[in-house]
C-alpha atoms as a PDB file:
ATOM      1  CA  MET A   1      -0.032   0.122  -0.071  1.00  0.00           C
ATOM      2  CA  ARG A   2       2.903   2.424   0.921  1.00  0.00           C
ATOM      3  CA  ILE A   3       4.574   1.521  -2.621  1.00  0.00           C
ATOM      4  CA  ARG A   4       1.560   2.330  -4.292  1.00  0.00           C
ATOM      5  CA  ARG A   5       1.057   5.721  -2.703  1.00  0.00           C
ATOM      6  CA  SER A   6       4.794   6.543  -3.190  1.00  0.00           C
ATOM      7  CA  VAL A   7       4.284   5.202  -6.996  1.00  0.00           C
ATOM      8  CA  THR A   8       1.436   7.574  -7.129  1.00  0.00           C
ATOM      9  CA  ARG A   9       2.952  10.549  -5.662  1.00  0.00           C
ATOM     10  CA  PHE A  10       6.096  10.342  -8.025  1.00  0.00           C
ATOM     11  CA  PHE A  11       3.761  10.504 -11.152  1.00  0.00           C
ATOM     12  CA  ALA A  12       1.890  13.038  -9.707  1.00  0.00           C
ATOM     13  CA  THR A  13       4.746  15.532  -8.774  1.00  0.00           C
ATOM     14  CA  LEU A  14       7.317  14.565 -11.499  1.00  0.00           C
ATOM     15  CA  VAL A  15       5.928  12.595 -14.479  1.00  0.00           C
ATOM     16  CA  ILE A  16       2.892  14.516 -15.337  1.00  0.00           C
ATOM     17  CA  PRO A  17       4.283  18.071 -15.150  1.00  0.00           C
ATOM     18  CA  ALA A  18       7.268  16.904 -17.233  1.00  0.00           C
ATOM     19  CA  LEU A  19       4.660  15.345 -19.896  1.00  0.00           C
ATOM     20  CA  CYS A  20       3.068  18.617 -19.869  1.00  0.00           C
ATOM     21  CA  ALA A  21       6.089  20.633 -20.243  1.00  0.00           C
ATOM     22  CA  ALA A  22       7.382  18.281 -23.319  1.00  0.00           C
ATOM     23  CA  VAL A  23       3.869  19.081 -24.959  1.00  0.00           C
ATOM     24  CA  VAL A  24       4.124  22.813 -24.414  1.00  0.00           C
ATOM     25  CA  SER A  25       7.811  22.819 -25.600  1.00  0.00           C
ATOM     26  CA  TYR A  26       6.765  20.574 -28.963  1.00  0.00           C
ATOM     27  CA  PHE A  27       3.759  23.025 -29.815  1.00  0.00           C
ATOM     28  CA  GLY A  28       5.878  26.168 -28.786  1.00  0.00           C
ATOM     29  CA  TYR A  29       8.883  25.234 -30.823  1.00  0.00           C
ATOM     30  CA  TYR A  30       6.731  24.550 -33.983  1.00  0.00           C
ATOM     31  CA  THR A  31       4.565  27.781 -33.496  1.00  0.00           C
ATOM     32  CA  ILE A  32       7.776  29.871 -33.819  1.00  0.00           C
ATOM     33  CA  TRP A  33      10.331  27.908 -35.819  1.00  0.00           C
ATOM     34  CA  GLY A  34       7.974  25.399 -37.707  1.00  0.00           C
ATOM     35  CA  THR A  35       7.174  25.178 -41.368  1.00  0.00           C
ATOM     36  CA  ARG A  36       4.054  27.331 -40.833  1.00  0.00           C
ATOM     37  CA  GLY A  37       5.220  29.170 -37.788  1.00  0.00           C
ATOM     38  CA  LEU A  38       6.035  32.977 -37.103  1.00  0.00           C
ATOM     39  CA  LEU A  39       9.392  33.039 -38.906  1.00  0.00           C
ATOM     40  CA  ALA A  40       7.833  31.293 -41.825  1.00  0.00           C
ATOM     41  CA  TYR A  41       5.036  33.663 -41.921  1.00  0.00           C
ATOM     42  CA  ASP A  42       7.464  36.821 -43.124  1.00  0.00           C
ATOM     43  CA  ASP A  43       8.829  34.640 -45.626  1.00  0.00           C
ATOM     44  CA  THR A  44       5.458  33.780 -46.936  1.00  0.00           C
ATOM     45  CA  GLN A  45       4.578  37.489 -46.797  1.00  0.00           C
ATOM     46  CA  ALA A  46       7.846  38.278 -48.907  1.00  0.00           C
ATOM     47  CA  ARG A  47       7.163  35.617 -51.570  1.00  0.00           C
ATOM     48  CA  LEU A  48       3.028  36.822 -51.582  1.00  0.00           C
ATOM     49  CA  ALA A  49       4.197  40.268 -52.471  1.00  0.00           C
ATOM     50  CA  VAL A  50       6.674  39.275 -55.262  1.00  0.00           C
ATOM     51  CA  GLU A  51       3.863  37.048 -56.683  1.00  0.00           C
ATOM     52  CA  GLN A  52       1.483  39.800 -56.566  1.00  0.00           C
ATOM     53  CA  GLU A  53       3.761  41.960 -58.552  1.00  0.00           C
ATOM     54  CA  GLN A  54       4.055  39.332 -61.045  1.00  0.00           C
ATOM     55  CA  LEU A  55       0.462  38.943 -61.526  1.00  0.00           C
ATOM     56  CA  ALA A  56      -0.046  42.806 -61.676  1.00  0.00           C
ATOM     57  CA  GLN A  57       2.585  42.865 -64.707  1.00  0.00           C
ATOM     58  CA  LEU A  58       0.977  40.034 -66.408  1.00  0.00           C
ATOM     59  CA  LYS A  59      -2.522  41.586 -65.972  1.00  0.00           C
ATOM     60  CA  GLU A  60      -1.102  44.853 -67.587  1.00  0.00           C
ATOM     61  CA  ALA A  61       0.361  42.672 -70.306  1.00  0.00           C
ATOM     62  CA  ARG A  62      -2.695  40.877 -71.066  1.00  0.00           C
ATOM     63  CA  ALA A  63      -4.857  44.178 -71.149  1.00  0.00           C
ATOM     64  CA  HIS A  64      -2.269  45.477 -73.773  1.00  0.00           C
ATOM     65  CA  LEU A  65      -2.639  42.358 -75.978  1.00  0.00           C
ATOM     66  CA  GLY A  66      -6.452  42.604 -75.649  1.00  0.00           C
ATOM     67  CA  HIS A  67      -6.172  46.108 -76.875  1.00  0.00           C
ATOM     68  CA  ARG A  68      -4.282  45.265 -79.790  1.00  0.00           C
ATOM     69  CA  ILE A  69      -6.500  42.355 -80.480  1.00  0.00           C
ATOM     70  CA  HIS A  70      -9.561  44.619 -80.100  1.00  0.00           C
ATOM     71  CA  LEU A  71      -7.877  47.152 -82.872  1.00  0.00           C
ATOM     72  CA  LEU A  72      -7.848  43.992 -85.351  1.00  0.00           C
ATOM     73  CA  GLU A  73     -11.712  43.180 -84.792  1.00  0.00           C
ATOM     74  CA  PRO A  74     -13.774  43.298 -87.954  1.00  0.00           C
ATOM     75  CA  GLY A  75     -15.866  46.469 -87.423  1.00  0.00           C
ATOM     76  CA  SER A  76     -13.163  48.397 -85.491  1.00  0.00           C
ATOM     77  CA  VAL A  77     -10.058  47.757 -87.510  1.00  0.00           C
ATOM     78  CA  ASP A  78      -7.214  50.385 -86.891  1.00  0.00           C
ATOM     79  CA  PRO A  79      -5.407  51.049 -90.195  1.00  0.00           C
ATOM     80  CA  ASP A  80      -1.976  51.702 -88.135  1.00  0.00           C
ATOM     81  CA  MET A  81      -2.382  48.156 -86.447  1.00  0.00           C
ATOM     82  CA  VAL A  82      -3.010  46.478 -89.651  1.00  0.00           C
ATOM     83  CA  GLU A  83       0.188  48.106 -91.403  1.00  0.00           C
ATOM     84  CA  GLU A  84       2.171  47.407 -88.479  1.00  0.00           C
ATOM     85  CA  VAL A  85       1.101  43.451 -88.403  1.00  0.00           C
ATOM     86  CA  ALA A  86       1.512  43.222 -92.171  1.00  0.00           C
ATOM     87  CA  ARG A  87       5.167  44.846 -92.044  1.00  0.00           C
ATOM     88  CA  ASP A  88       6.060  42.325 -89.188  1.00  0.00           C
ATOM     89  CA  GLN A  89       4.966  39.311 -91.270  1.00  0.00           C
ATOM     90  CA  MET A  90       5.993  40.630 -94.657  1.00  0.00           C
ATOM     91  CA  LEU A  91       9.281  41.758 -93.847  1.00  0.00           C
ATOM     92  CA  ASP A  92       9.955  39.075 -91.068  1.00  0.00           C
ATOM     93  CA  GLY A  93      11.217  41.928 -88.816  1.00  0.00           C
ATOM     94  CA  GLN A  94      13.163  40.888 -85.732  1.00  0.00           C
ATOM     95  CA  PRO A  95      12.493  43.012 -82.407  1.00  0.00           C
ATOM     96  CA  GLY A  96      14.410  46.494 -82.634  1.00  0.00           C
ATOM     97  CA  GLU A  97      14.563  46.427 -86.455  1.00  0.00           C
ATOM     98  CA  VAL A  98      13.387  49.379 -88.515  1.00  0.00           C
ATOM     99  CA  ALA A  99      11.654  48.947 -91.957  1.00  0.00           C
ATOM    100  CA  ILE A 100      12.144  52.052 -94.056  1.00  0.00           C
ATOM    101  CA  PRO A 101       9.732  51.534 -97.064  1.00  0.00           C
ATOM    102  CA  ARG A 102      11.327  52.901-100.674  1.00  0.00           C
ATOM    103  CA  PRO A 103       9.308  55.512-102.577  1.00  0.00           C
ATOM    104  CA  GLY A 104       7.578  53.721-105.427  1.00  0.00           C
ATOM    105  CA  HIS A 105       7.371  50.367-104.047  1.00  0.00           C
END
């Protein structure tokens, strides 16, 4: 009987608080340094800012291309855009090249 009380007292005084401290330490560690912890949150915010900037650039490029496509649609054809596309295709122009038409041709 006396041994049982000493074992119970031992568990109550040492083991249970030690287990609780281990559990709190485990979750505390991963709260700060884990893959989804507070330190990873800053990295995630930085990557999100970069991705949002790329998204804004892609949206801007898409809007620009959409405008160019609209200029070539039947019913609202822009002669300057048609000429630009024709020169690109006929002269097989490279980026940065300038095509100078000769008089009479």
